[in-house]
């Protein structure tokens, strides 16, 4: 009886250990990193429509546009004048989580969104 309990305990420990190894998060996904993302604005549309990053990431948006505009990321209060044929870098730390509209301040039209996922 004692041998049987010991064998069952050993099997349980091995199964739980295996599950821990298989299901543990990737360390690269849990640590903040540097993210450099290309954003194109053409005919009033932003590509990609949604910019997704994680909380704590240091983000650089490399923005190009086909016409002059003032890009504004709500919640982060990032505003930048962007001219055609002049790629513009917008850098910030993603320290607020949630969904934040990205708009053309000149026309007050929403271009897309910044989504910052919690870690």
PDB file of N, CA and C in Angstrom:
ATOM      1  N   UNK A   1       0.818  -1.186   0.000  1.00  0.00           N
ATOM      2  CA  UNK A   1       0.000   0.000   0.000  1.00  0.00           C
ATOM      3  C   UNK A   1       0.869   1.259   0.000  1.00  0.00           C
ATOM      4  N   UNK A   2       1.902   1.299   0.841  1.00  0.00           N
ATOM      5  CA  UNK A   2       2.782   2.462   0.913  1.00  0.00           C
ATOM      6  C   UNK A   2       3.536   2.640  -0.403  1.00  0.00           C
ATOM      7  N   UNK A   3       3.920   1.552  -1.050  1.00  0.00           N
ATOM      8  CA  UNK A   3       4.618   1.623  -2.339  1.00  0.00           C
ATOM      9  C   UNK A   3       3.690   2.210  -3.393  1.00  0.00           C
ATOM     10  N   UNK A   4       2.446   1.779  -3.362  1.00  0.00           N
ATOM     11  CA  UNK A   4       1.470   2.263  -4.344  1.00  0.00           C
ATOM     12  C   UNK A   4       1.256   3.776  -4.190  1.00  0.00           C
ATOM     13  N   UNK A   5       1.149   4.261  -2.970  1.00  0.00           N
ATOM     14  CA  UNK A   5       0.975   5.698  -2.709  1.00  0.00           C
ATOM     15  C   UNK A   5       2.211   6.464  -3.176  1.00  0.00           C
ATOM     16  N   UNK A   6       3.386   5.920  -2.923  1.00  0.00           N
ATOM     17  CA  UNK A   6       4.626   6.574  -3.360  1.00  0.00           C
ATOM     18  C   UNK A   6       4.701   6.657  -4.878  1.00  0.00           C
ATOM     19  N   UNK A   7       4.303   5.588  -5.573  1.00  0.00           N
ATOM     20  CA  UNK A   7       4.312   5.578  -7.039  1.00  0.00           C
ATOM     21  C   UNK A   7       3.316   6.610  -7.571  1.00  0.00           C
ATOM     22  N   UNK A   8       2.111   6.666  -6.989  1.00  0.00           N
ATOM     23  CA  UNK A   8       1.109   7.642  -7.419  1.00  0.00           C
ATOM     24  C   UNK A   8       1.589   9.076  -7.170  1.00  0.00           C
ATOM     25  N   UNK A   9       2.244   9.302  -6.028  1.00  0.00           N
ATOM     26  CA  UNK A   9       2.773  10.636  -5.719  1.00  0.00           C
ATOM     27  C   UNK A   9       3.854  11.022  -6.731  1.00  0.00           C
ATOM     28  N   UNK A  10       4.726  10.082  -7.073  1.00  0.00           N
ATOM     29  CA  UNK A  10       5.787  10.340  -8.045  1.00  0.00           C
ATOM     30  C   UNK A  10       5.208  10.649  -9.423  1.00  0.00           C
ATOM     31  N   UNK A  11       4.211   9.891  -9.841  1.00  0.00           N
ATOM     32  CA  UNK A  11       3.556  10.129 -11.130  1.00  0.00           C
ATOM     33  C   UNK A  11       2.892  11.510 -11.142  1.00  0.00           C
ATOM     34  N   UNK A  12       2.233  11.871 -10.035  1.00  0.00           N
ATOM     35  CA  UNK A  12       1.584  13.188  -9.936  1.00  0.00           C
ATOM     36  C   UNK A  12       2.600  14.313 -10.053  1.00  0.00           C
ATOM     37  N   UNK A  13       3.730  14.164  -9.370  1.00  0.00           N
ATOM     38  CA  UNK A  13       4.785  15.182  -9.428  1.00  0.00           C
ATOM     39  C   UNK A  13       5.324  15.307 -10.848  1.00  0.00           C
ATOM     40  N   UNK A  14       5.535  14.187 -11.528  1.00  0.00           N
ATOM     41  CA  UNK A  14       6.039  14.226 -12.904  1.00  0.00           C
ATOM     42  C   UNK A  14       5.034  14.898 -13.850  1.00  0.00           C
ATOM     43  N   UNK A  15       3.759  14.581 -13.692  1.00  0.00           N
ATOM     44  CA  UNK A  15       2.729  15.191 -14.538  1.00  0.00           C
ATOM     45  C   UNK A  15       2.651  16.694 -14.285  1.00  0.00           C
ATOM     46  N   UNK A  16       2.628  17.104 -13.027  1.00  0.00           N
ATOM     47  CA  UNK A  16       2.565  18.532 -12.705  1.00  0.00           C
ATOM     48  C   UNK A  16       3.818  19.271 -13.180  1.00  0.00           C
ATOM     49  N   UNK A  17       4.962  18.662 -13.027  1.00  0.00           N
ATOM     50  CA  UNK A  17       6.207  19.266 -13.522  1.00  0.00           C
ATOM     51  C   UNK A  17       6.187  19.431 -15.031  1.00  0.00           C
ATOM     52  N   UNK A  18       5.692  18.401 -15.733  1.00  0.00           N
ATOM     53  CA  UNK A  18       5.583  18.486 -17.193  1.00  0.00           C
ATOM     54  C   UNK A  18       4.625  19.581 -17.630  1.00  0.00           C
ATOM     55  N   UNK A  19       3.491  19.693 -16.938  1.00  0.00           N
ATOM     56  CA  UNK A  19       2.536  20.756 -17.254  1.00  0.00           C
ATOM     57  C   UNK A  19       3.146  22.141 -17.015  1.00  0.00           C
ATOM     58  N   UNK A  20       3.910  22.284 -15.947  1.00  0.00           N
ATOM     59  CA  UNK A  20       4.562  23.566 -15.670  1.00  0.00           C
ATOM     60  C   UNK A  20       5.503  23.949 -16.811  1.00  0.00           C
ATOM     61  N   UNK A  21       6.295  23.012 -17.282  1.00  0.00           N
ATOM     62  CA  UNK A  21       7.242  23.282 -18.375  1.00  0.00           C
ATOM     63  C   UNK A  21       6.498  23.629 -19.662  1.00  0.00           C
ATOM     64  N   UNK A  22       5.433  22.916 -19.957  1.00  0.00           N
ATOM     65  CA  UNK A  22       4.689  23.130 -21.196  1.00  0.00           C
ATOM     66  C   UNK A  22       3.904  24.442 -21.168  1.00  0.00           C
ATOM     67  N   UNK A  23       3.281  24.768 -20.050  1.00  0.00           N
ATOM     68  CA  UNK A  23       2.365  25.901 -19.981  1.00  0.00           C
ATOM     69  C   UNK A  23       2.977  27.205 -19.481  1.00  0.00           C
ATOM     70  N   UNK A  24       4.215  27.209 -19.072  1.00  0.00           N
ATOM     71  CA  UNK A  24       4.797  28.449 -18.552  1.00  0.00           C
ATOM     72  C   UNK A  24       4.910  29.472 -19.682  1.00  0.00           C
ATOM     73  N   UNK A  25       4.768  30.770 -19.362  1.00  0.00           N
ATOM     74  CA  UNK A  25       4.849  31.799 -20.394  1.00  0.00           C
ATOM     75  C   UNK A  25       6.264  31.945 -20.933  1.00  0.00           C
ATOM     76  N   UNK A  26       6.334  32.327 -22.185  1.00  0.00           N
ATOM     77  CA  UNK A  26       7.625  32.605 -22.818  1.00  0.00           C
ATOM     78  C   UNK A  26       8.211  33.861 -22.177  1.00  0.00           C
ATOM     79  N   UNK A  27       9.452  33.822 -21.665  1.00  0.00           N
ATOM     80  CA  UNK A  27      10.018  35.000 -21.014  1.00  0.00           C
ATOM     81  C   UNK A  27      10.064  36.211 -21.934  1.00  0.00           C
ATOM     82  N   UNK A  28      10.194  36.007 -23.240  1.00  0.00           N
ATOM     83  CA  UNK A  28      10.235  37.137 -24.163  1.00  0.00           C
ATOM     84  C   UNK A  28       8.888  37.835 -24.255  1.00  0.00           C
ATOM     85  N   UNK A  29       7.795  37.126 -23.980  1.00  0.00           N
ATOM     86  CA  UNK A  29       6.477  37.723 -24.041  1.00  0.00           C
ATOM     87  C   UNK A  29       6.138  38.491 -22.771  1.00  0.00           C
ATOM     88  N   UNK A  30       6.818  38.205 -21.680  1.00  0.00           N
ATOM     89  CA  UNK A  30       6.471  38.850 -20.425  1.00  0.00           C
ATOM     90  C   UNK A  30       7.374  40.028 -20.088  1.00  0.00           C
ATOM     91  N   UNK A  31       8.493  40.194 -20.756  1.00  0.00           N
ATOM     92  CA  UNK A  31       9.350  41.330 -20.454  1.00  0.00           C
ATOM     93  C   UNK A  31       9.130  42.443 -21.473  1.00  0.00           C
ATOM     94  N   UNK A  32       9.104  43.684 -20.977  1.00  0.00           N
ATOM     95  CA  UNK A  32       8.952  44.801 -21.903  1.00  0.00           C
ATOM     96  C   UNK A  32      10.078  44.803 -22.932  1.00  0.00           C
ATOM     97  N   UNK A  33       9.755  45.243 -24.124  1.00  0.00           N
ATOM     98  CA  UNK A  33      10.755  45.273 -25.181  1.00  0.00           C
ATOM     99  C   UNK A  33      10.647  46.538 -26.000  1.00  0.00           C
ATOM    100  N   UNK A  34      11.488  46.627 -26.991  1.00  0.00           N
ATOM    101  CA  UNK A  34      11.444  47.740 -27.928  1.00  0.00           C
ATOM    102  C   UNK A  34      10.654  47.295 -29.142  1.00  0.00           C
ATOM    103  N   UNK A  35       9.676  48.091 -29.537  1.00  0.00           N
ATOM    104  CA  UNK A  35       8.835  47.780 -30.688  1.00  0.00           C
ATOM    105  C   UNK A  35       8.932  48.918 -31.680  1.00  0.00           C
ATOM    106  N   UNK A  36       9.291  48.613 -32.897  1.00  0.00           N
ATOM    107  CA  UNK A  36       9.346  49.595 -33.974  1.00  0.00           C
ATOM    108  C   UNK A  36       8.330  49.149 -35.026  1.00  0.00           C
ATOM    109  N   UNK A  37       7.339  49.999 -35.277  1.00  0.00           N
ATOM    110  CA  UNK A  37       6.227  49.617 -36.145  1.00  0.00           C
ATOM    111  C   UNK A  37       6.034  50.636 -37.258  1.00  0.00           C
ATOM    112  N   UNK A  38       5.826  50.148 -38.456  1.00  0.00           N
ATOM    113  CA  UNK A  38       5.525  51.016 -39.585  1.00  0.00           C
ATOM    114  C   UNK A  38       4.038  51.316 -39.642  1.00  0.00           C
ATOM    115  N   UNK A  39       3.697  52.583 -39.853  1.00  0.00           N
ATOM    116  CA  UNK A  39       2.307  53.011 -39.966  1.00  0.00           C
ATOM    117  C   UNK A  39       2.196  53.874 -41.216  1.00  0.00           C
ATOM    118  N   UNK A  40       1.276  53.515 -42.109  1.00  0.00           N
ATOM    119  CA  UNK A  40       1.043  54.292 -43.328  1.00  0.00           C
ATOM    120  C   UNK A  40      -0.346  54.902 -43.271  1.00  0.00           C
ATOM    121  N   UNK A  41      -0.428  56.176 -43.643  1.00  0.00           N
ATOM    122  CA  UNK A  41      -1.728  56.833 -43.731  1.00  0.00           C
ATOM    123  C   UNK A  41      -1.896  57.273 -45.181  1.00  0.00           C
ATOM    124  N   UNK A  42      -2.925  56.707 -45.814  1.00  0.00           N
ATOM    125  CA  UNK A  42      -3.177  56.993 -47.229  1.00  0.00           C
ATOM    126  C   UNK A  42      -4.673  57.145 -47.444  1.00  0.00           C
ATOM    127  N   UNK A  43      -5.061  58.228 -48.082  1.00  0.00           N
ATOM    128  CA  UNK A  43      -6.481  58.523 -48.331  1.00  0.00           C
ATOM    129  C   UNK A  43      -7.299  58.495 -47.038  1.00  0.00           C
ATOM    130  N   UNK A  44      -6.720  58.966 -45.943  1.00  0.00           N
ATOM    131  CA  UNK A  44      -7.434  59.027 -44.671  1.00  0.00           C
ATOM    132  C   UNK A  44      -7.573  57.707 -43.946  1.00  0.00           C
ATOM    133  N   UNK A  45      -6.867  56.670 -44.424  1.00  0.00           N
ATOM    134  CA  UNK A  45      -6.912  55.349 -43.788  1.00  0.00           C
ATOM    135  C   UNK A  45      -5.541  54.979 -43.250  1.00  0.00           C
ATOM    136  N   UNK A  46      -5.524  54.396 -42.064  1.00  0.00           N
ATOM    137  CA  UNK A  46      -4.271  53.993 -41.423  1.00  0.00           C
ATOM    138  C   UNK A  46      -4.063  52.497 -41.597  1.00  0.00           C
ATOM    139  N   UNK A  47      -2.850  52.119 -41.970  1.00  0.00           N
ATOM    140  CA  UNK A  47      -2.478  50.712 -42.086  1.00  0.00           C
ATOM    141  C   UNK A  47      -1.251  50.480 -41.220  1.00  0.00           C
ATOM    142  N   UNK A  48      -1.321  49.561 -40.254  1.00  0.00           N
ATOM    143  CA  UNK A  48      -2.478  48.756 -39.876  1.00  0.00           C
ATOM    144  C   UNK A  48      -3.529  49.630 -39.182  1.00  0.00           C
ATOM    145  N   UNK A  49      -4.781  49.177 -39.197  1.00  0.00           N
ATOM    146  CA  UNK A  49      -5.864  49.927 -38.556  1.00  0.00           C
ATOM    147  C   UNK A  49      -5.711  49.935 -37.044  1.00  0.00           C
ATOM    148  N   UNK A  50      -5.077  48.881 -36.509  1.00  0.00           N
ATOM    149  CA  UNK A  50      -4.873  48.778 -35.071  1.00  0.00           C
ATOM    150  C   UNK A  50      -3.414  48.471 -34.787  1.00  0.00           C
ATOM    151  N   UNK A  51      -2.816  49.276 -33.915  1.00  0.00           N
ATOM    152  CA  UNK A  51      -1.436  49.085 -33.481  1.00  0.00           C
ATOM    153  C   UNK A  51      -1.508  48.400 -32.117  1.00  0.00           C
ATOM    154  N   UNK A  52      -0.945  47.207 -31.995  1.00  0.00           N
ATOM    155  CA  UNK A  52      -1.015  46.460 -30.735  1.00  0.00           C
ATOM    156  C   UNK A  52       0.368  46.295 -30.124  1.00  0.00           C
ATOM    157  N   UNK A  53       0.490  46.677 -28.848  1.00  0.00           N
ATOM    158  CA  UNK A  53       1.740  46.538 -28.093  1.00  0.00           C
ATOM    159  C   UNK A  53       1.377  46.083 -26.679  1.00  0.00           C
ATOM    160  N   UNK A  54       2.398  45.837 -25.865  1.00  0.00           N
ATOM    161  CA  UNK A  54       2.177  45.437 -24.481  1.00  0.00           C
ATOM    162  C   UNK A  54       2.644  46.540 -23.534  1.00  0.00           C
ATOM    163  N   UNK A  55       2.019  46.563 -22.390  1.00  0.00           N
ATOM    164  CA  UNK A  55       2.365  47.517 -21.341  1.00  0.00           C
ATOM    165  C   UNK A  55       3.865  47.438 -21.047  1.00  0.00           C
ATOM    166  N   UNK A  56       4.495  48.586 -20.977  1.00  0.00           N
ATOM    167  CA  UNK A  56       5.923  48.651 -20.673  1.00  0.00           C
ATOM    168  C   UNK A  56       6.810  48.681 -21.902  1.00  0.00           C
ATOM    169  N   UNK A  57       6.266  48.351 -23.076  1.00  0.00           N
ATOM    170  CA  UNK A  57       7.074  48.389 -24.304  1.00  0.00           C
ATOM    171  C   UNK A  57       7.501  49.817 -24.611  1.00  0.00           C
ATOM    172  N   UNK A  58       8.690  49.949 -25.142  1.00  0.00           N
ATOM    173  CA  UNK A  58       9.167  51.224 -25.678  1.00  0.00           C
ATOM    174  C   UNK A  58       8.841  51.177 -27.169  1.00  0.00           C
ATOM    175  N   UNK A  59       7.946  52.051 -27.583  1.00  0.00           N
ATOM    176  CA  UNK A  59       7.370  51.982 -28.925  1.00  0.00           C
ATOM    177  C   UNK A  59       7.876  53.131 -29.788  1.00  0.00           C
ATOM    178  N   UNK A  60       8.231  52.807 -31.034  1.00  0.00           N
ATOM    179  CA  UNK A  60       8.526  53.817 -32.040  1.00  0.00           C
ATOM    180  C   UNK A  60       7.629  53.543 -33.237  1.00  0.00           C
ATOM    181  N   UNK A  61       6.812  54.536 -33.575  1.00  0.00           N
ATOM    182  CA  UNK A  61       5.969  54.450 -34.760  1.00  0.00           C
ATOM    183  C   UNK A  61       6.681  55.192 -35.882  1.00  0.00           C
ATOM    184  N   UNK A  62       6.888  54.527 -36.997  1.00  0.00           N
ATOM    185  CA  UNK A  62       7.497  55.132 -38.182  1.00  0.00           C
ATOM    186  C   UNK A  62       6.348  55.446 -39.132  1.00  0.00           C
ATOM    187  N   UNK A  63       5.929  56.716 -39.159  1.00  0.00           N
ATOM    188  CA  UNK A  63       4.700  57.109 -39.839  1.00  0.00           C
ATOM    189  C   UNK A  63       5.002  57.791 -41.173  1.00  0.00           C
ATOM    190  N   UNK A  64       4.282  57.355 -42.207  1.00  0.00           N
ATOM    191  CA  UNK A  64       4.327  58.024 -43.505  1.00  0.00           C
ATOM    192  C   UNK A  64       2.893  58.374 -43.893  1.00  0.00           C
ATOM    193  N   UNK A  65       2.743  59.423 -44.699  1.00  0.00           N
ATOM    194  CA  UNK A  65       1.421  59.857 -45.126  1.00  0.00           C
ATOM    195  C   UNK A  65       1.472  60.374 -46.557  1.00  0.00           C
ATOM    196  N   UNK A  66       0.322  60.352 -47.212  1.00  0.00           N
ATOM    197  CA  UNK A  66       0.259  60.857 -48.581  1.00  0.00           C
ATOM    198  C   UNK A  66      -0.161  62.328 -48.624  1.00  0.00           C
ATOM    199  N   UNK A  67      -0.608  62.903 -47.485  1.00  0.00           N
ATOM    200  CA  UNK A  67      -0.953  64.322 -47.407  1.00  0.00           C
ATOM    201  C   UNK A  67      -0.624  64.858 -46.014  1.00  0.00           C
ATOM    202  N   UNK A  68      -0.422  66.142 -45.887  1.00  0.00           N
ATOM    203  CA  UNK A  68      -0.093  66.714 -44.577  1.00  0.00           C
ATOM    204  C   UNK A  68      -1.228  66.474 -43.575  1.00  0.00           C
ATOM    205  N   UNK A  69      -0.862  66.163 -42.325  1.00  0.00           N
ATOM    206  CA  UNK A  69      -1.861  66.001 -41.273  1.00  0.00           C
ATOM    207  C   UNK A  69      -1.211  66.122 -39.915  1.00  0.00           C
ATOM    208  N   UNK A  70      -2.062  66.331 -38.913  1.00  0.00           N
ATOM    209  CA  UNK A  70      -1.604  66.313 -37.528  1.00  0.00           C
ATOM    210  C   UNK A  70      -2.178  65.060 -36.888  1.00  0.00           C
ATOM    211  N   UNK A  71      -1.297  64.115 -36.581  1.00  0.00           N
ATOM    212  CA  UNK A  71      -1.704  62.839 -35.980  1.00  0.00           C
ATOM    213  C   UNK A  71      -1.736  62.998 -34.466  1.00  0.00           C
ATOM    214  N   UNK A  72      -2.830  62.522 -33.850  1.00  0.00           N
ATOM    215  CA  UNK A  72      -2.990  62.623 -32.403  1.00  0.00           C
ATOM    216  C   UNK A  72      -3.381  61.259 -31.843  1.00  0.00           C
ATOM    217  N   UNK A  73      -2.619  60.779 -30.845  1.00  0.00           N
ATOM    218  CA  UNK A  73      -2.943  59.538 -30.138  1.00  0.00           C
ATOM    219  C   UNK A  73      -3.559  59.945 -28.802  1.00  0.00           C
ATOM    220  N   UNK A  74      -4.879  59.758 -28.688  1.00  0.00           N
ATOM    221  CA  UNK A  74      -5.587  60.130 -27.463  1.00  0.00           C
ATOM    222  C   UNK A  74      -5.109  59.267 -26.300  1.00  0.00           C
ATOM    223  N   UNK A  75      -5.206  59.807 -25.100  1.00  0.00           N
ATOM    224  CA  UNK A  75      -4.793  59.085 -23.904  1.00  0.00           C
ATOM    225  C   UNK A  75      -3.306  59.246 -23.627  1.00  0.00           C
ATOM    226  N   UNK A  76      -2.514  59.265 -24.678  1.00  0.00           N
ATOM    227  CA  UNK A  76      -1.077  59.492 -24.549  1.00  0.00           C
ATOM    228  C   UNK A  76      -0.729  60.941 -24.885  1.00  0.00           C
ATOM    229  N   UNK A  77      -1.704  61.667 -25.412  1.00  0.00           N
ATOM    230  CA  UNK A  77      -1.522  63.063 -25.807  1.00  0.00           C
ATOM    231  C   UNK A  77      -0.293  63.259 -26.680  1.00  0.00           C
ATOM    232  N   UNK A  78      -0.124  62.343 -27.619  1.00  0.00           N
ATOM    233  CA  UNK A  78       0.945  62.457 -28.610  1.00  0.00           C
ATOM    234  C   UNK A  78       0.375  63.177 -29.823  1.00  0.00           C
ATOM    235  N   UNK A  79       1.005  64.267 -30.222  1.00  0.00           N
ATOM    236  CA  UNK A  79       0.589  65.012 -31.408  1.00  0.00           C
ATOM    237  C   UNK A  79       1.812  65.274 -32.258  1.00  0.00           C
ATOM    238  N   UNK A  80       1.667  65.017 -33.543  1.00  0.00           N
ATOM    239  CA  UNK A  80       2.804  65.204 -34.441  1.00  0.00           C
ATOM    240  C   UNK A  80       2.317  65.655 -35.812  1.00  0.00           C
ATOM    241  N   UNK A  81       2.931  66.724 -36.322  1.00  0.00           N
ATOM    242  CA  UNK A  81       2.671  67.159 -37.691  1.00  0.00           C
ATOM    243  C   UNK A  81       3.440  66.225 -38.613  1.00  0.00           C
ATOM    244  N   UNK A  82       2.744  65.675 -39.601  1.00  0.00           N
ATOM    245  CA  UNK A  82       3.382  64.733 -40.518  1.00  0.00           C
ATOM    246  C   UNK A  82       3.191  65.249 -41.936  1.00  0.00           C
ATOM    247  N   UNK A  83       4.290  65.284 -42.672  1.00  0.00           N
ATOM    248  CA  UNK A  83       4.283  65.769 -44.053  1.00  0.00           C
ATOM    249  C   UNK A  83       4.531  64.600 -45.003  1.00  0.00           C
ATOM    250  N   UNK A  84       3.957  64.683 -46.214  1.00  0.00           N
ATOM    251  CA  UNK A  84       4.215  63.629 -47.198  1.00  0.00           C
ATOM    252  C   UNK A  84       5.704  63.563 -47.528  1.00  0.00           C
ATOM    253  N   UNK A  85       6.158  62.392 -47.842  1.00  0.00           N
ATOM    254  CA  UNK A  85       7.555  62.147 -48.226  1.00  0.00           C
ATOM    255  C   UNK A  85       8.554  62.487 -47.124  1.00  0.00           C
ATOM    256  N   UNK A  86       8.084  62.654 -45.881  1.00  0.00           N
ATOM    257  CA  UNK A  86       8.967  62.888 -44.736  1.00  0.00           C
ATOM    258  C   UNK A  86       8.578  61.919 -43.625  1.00  0.00           C
ATOM    259  N   UNK A  87       9.117  60.696 -43.654  1.00  0.00           N
ATOM    260  CA  UNK A  87       8.781  59.742 -42.583  1.00  0.00           C
ATOM    261  C   UNK A  87       9.048  60.362 -41.213  1.00  0.00           C
ATOM    262  N   UNK A  88       8.111  60.148 -40.298  1.00  0.00           N
ATOM    263  CA  UNK A  88       8.176  60.749 -38.974  1.00  0.00           C
ATOM    264  C   UNK A  88       8.199  59.660 -37.920  1.00  0.00           C
ATOM    265  N   UNK A  89       9.084  59.805 -36.935  1.00  0.00           N
ATOM    266  CA  UNK A  89       9.174  58.854 -35.822  1.00  0.00           C
ATOM    267  C   UNK A  89       8.456  59.448 -34.616  1.00  0.00           C
ATOM    268  N   UNK A  90       7.582  58.638 -34.029  1.00  0.00           N
ATOM    269  CA  UNK A  90       6.892  59.014 -32.796  1.00  0.00           C
ATOM    270  C   UNK A  90       7.243  57.939 -31.771  1.00  0.00           C
ATOM    271  N   UNK A  91       7.935  58.339 -30.696  1.00  0.00           N
ATOM    272  CA  UNK A  91       8.394  57.372 -29.684  1.00  0.00           C
ATOM    273  C   UNK A  91       7.731  57.651 -28.340  1.00  0.00           C
ATOM    274  N   UNK A  92       7.402  56.571 -27.629  1.00  0.00           N
ATOM    275  CA  UNK A  92       6.792  56.694 -26.311  1.00  0.00           C
ATOM    276  C   UNK A  92       6.898  55.358 -25.587  1.00  0.00           C
ATOM    277  N   UNK A  93       6.693  55.393 -24.274  1.00  0.00           N
ATOM    278  CA  UNK A  93       6.622  54.166 -23.483  1.00  0.00           C
ATOM    279  C   UNK A  93       5.148  53.845 -23.262  1.00  0.00           C
ATOM    280  N   UNK A  94       4.755  52.630 -23.546  1.00  0.00           N
ATOM    281  CA  UNK A  94       3.356  52.203 -23.419  1.00  0.00           C
ATOM    282  C   UNK A  94       3.051  51.926 -21.947  1.00  0.00           C
ATOM    283  N   UNK A  95       2.786  52.998 -21.190  1.00  0.00           N
ATOM    284  CA  UNK A  95       2.582  52.840 -19.753  1.00  0.00           C
ATOM    285  C   UNK A  95       1.115  52.889 -19.338  1.00  0.00           C
ATOM    286  N   UNK A  96       0.200  53.100 -20.292  1.00  0.00           N
ATOM    287  CA  UNK A  96      -1.238  53.062 -20.025  1.00  0.00           C
ATOM    288  C   UNK A  96      -1.844  51.934 -20.835  1.00  0.00           C
ATOM    289  N   UNK A  97      -2.695  51.124 -20.209  1.00  0.00           N
ATOM    290  CA  UNK A  97      -3.336  50.039 -20.950  1.00  0.00           C
ATOM    291  C   UNK A  97      -4.713  50.473 -21.433  1.00  0.00           C
ATOM    292  N   UNK A  98      -5.150  49.855 -22.513  1.00  0.00           N
ATOM    293  CA  UNK A  98      -6.473  50.146 -23.043  1.00  0.00           C
ATOM    294  C   UNK A  98      -6.429  50.371 -24.544  1.00  0.00           C
ATOM    295  N   UNK A  99      -7.547  50.892 -25.062  1.00  0.00           N
ATOM    296  CA  UNK A  99      -7.672  51.196 -26.494  1.00  0.00           C
ATOM    297  C   UNK A  99      -7.723  52.714 -26.629  1.00  0.00           C
ATOM    298  N   UNK A 100      -6.846  53.260 -27.470  1.00  0.00           N
ATOM    299  CA  UNK A 100      -6.720  54.700 -27.622  1.00  0.00           C
ATOM    300  C   UNK A 100      -6.904  55.077 -29.094  1.00  0.00           C
ATOM    301  N   UNK A 101      -7.887  55.944 -29.393  1.00  0.00           N
ATOM    302  CA  UNK A 101      -8.095  56.354 -30.775  1.00  0.00           C
ATOM    303  C   UNK A 101      -6.897  57.140 -31.314  1.00  0.00           C
ATOM    304  N   UNK A 102      -6.610  56.908 -32.583  1.00  0.00           N
ATOM    305  CA  UNK A 102      -5.600  57.676 -33.312  1.00  0.00           C
ATOM    306  C   UNK A 102      -6.384  58.476 -34.336  1.00  0.00           C
ATOM    307  N   UNK A 103      -6.226  59.805 -34.301  1.00  0.00           N
ATOM    308  CA  UNK A 103      -7.028  60.613 -35.212  1.00  0.00           C
ATOM    309  C   UNK A 103      -6.202  61.638 -35.961  1.00  0.00           C
ATOM    310  N   UNK A 104      -6.768  62.088 -37.058  1.00  0.00           N
ATOM    311  CA  UNK A 104      -6.235  63.205 -37.813  1.00  0.00           C
ATOM    312  C   UNK A 104      -6.858  64.441 -37.192  1.00  0.00           C
ATOM    313  N   UNK A 105      -6.061  65.222 -36.472  1.00  0.00           N
ATOM    314  CA  UNK A 105      -6.589  66.396 -35.780  1.00  0.00           C
ATOM    315  C   UNK A 105      -7.100  67.444 -36.758  1.00  0.00           C
ATOM    316  N   UNK A 106      -6.556  67.477 -37.963  1.00  0.00           N
ATOM    317  CA  UNK A 106      -6.983  68.469 -38.943  1.00  0.00           C
ATOM    318  C   UNK A 106      -8.442  68.260 -39.340  1.00  0.00           C
ATOM    319  N   UNK A 107      -8.864  67.014 -39.496  1.00  0.00           N
ATOM    320  CA  UNK A 107     -10.236  66.701 -39.934  1.00  0.00           C
ATOM    321  C   UNK A 107     -11.072  66.105 -38.806  1.00  0.00           C
ATOM    322  N   UNK A 108     -10.447  65.815 -37.666  1.00  0.00           N
ATOM    323  CA  UNK A 108     -11.088  65.160 -36.518  1.00  0.00           C
ATOM    324  C   UNK A 108     -11.634  63.779 -36.871  1.00  0.00           C
ATOM    325  N   UNK A 109     -11.054  63.163 -37.896  1.00  0.00           N
ATOM    326  CA  UNK A 109     -11.455  61.819 -38.309  1.00  0.00           C
ATOM    327  C   UNK A 109     -10.574  60.784 -37.614  1.00  0.00           C
ATOM    328  N   UNK A 110     -11.210  59.717 -37.128  1.00  0.00           N
ATOM    329  CA  UNK A 110     -10.442  58.635 -36.511  1.00  0.00           C
ATOM    330  C   UNK A 110      -9.767  57.821 -37.607  1.00  0.00           C
ATOM    331  N   UNK A 111      -8.458  57.623 -37.444  1.00  0.00           N
ATOM    332  CA  UNK A 111      -7.665  56.857 -38.412  1.00  0.00           C
ATOM    333  C   UNK A 111      -7.574  55.389 -38.028  1.00  0.00           C
ATOM    334  N   UNK A 112      -7.535  55.118 -36.735  1.00  0.00           N
ATOM    335  CA  UNK A 112      -7.342  53.762 -36.240  1.00  0.00           C
ATOM    336  C   UNK A 112      -7.251  53.797 -34.729  1.00  0.00           C
ATOM    337  N   UNK A 113      -6.505  52.838 -34.171  1.00  0.00           N
ATOM    338  CA  UNK A 113      -6.412  52.752 -32.714  1.00  0.00           C
ATOM    339  C   UNK A 113      -5.071  52.170 -32.296  1.00  0.00           C
ATOM    340  N   UNK A 114      -4.644  52.599 -31.115  1.00  0.00           N
ATOM    341  CA  UNK A 114      -3.509  52.012 -30.410  1.00  0.00           C
ATOM    342  C   UNK A 114      -4.097  51.161 -29.301  1.00  0.00           C
ATOM    343  N   UNK A 115      -3.720  49.882 -29.239  1.00  0.00           N
ATOM    344  CA  UNK A 115      -4.181  48.989 -28.178  1.00  0.00           C
ATOM    345  C   UNK A 115      -2.960  48.558 -27.372  1.00  0.00           C
ATOM    346  N   UNK A 116      -3.001  48.853 -26.070  1.00  0.00           N
ATOM    347  CA  UNK A 116      -1.919  48.470 -25.174  1.00  0.00           C
ATOM    348  C   UNK A 116      -2.464  47.411 -24.228  1.00  0.00           C
ATOM    349  N   UNK A 117      -1.967  46.181 -24.396  1.00  0.00           N
ATOM    350  CA  UNK A 117      -2.394  45.040 -23.575  1.00  0.00           C
ATOM    351  C   UNK A 117      -1.594  44.998 -22.293  1.00  0.00           C
ATOM    352  N   UNK A 118      -2.246  44.640 -21.167  1.00  0.00           N
ATOM    353  CA  UNK A 118      -1.486  44.489 -19.921  1.00  0.00           C
ATOM    354  C   UNK A 118      -0.521  43.317 -20.001  1.00  0.00           C
ATOM    355  N   UNK A 119       0.558  43.382 -19.250  1.00  0.00           N
ATOM    356  CA  UNK A 119       1.547  42.294 -19.188  1.00  0.00           C
ATOM    357  C   UNK A 119       1.046  41.192 -18.309  1.00  0.00           C
TER     358      UNK A 119
END
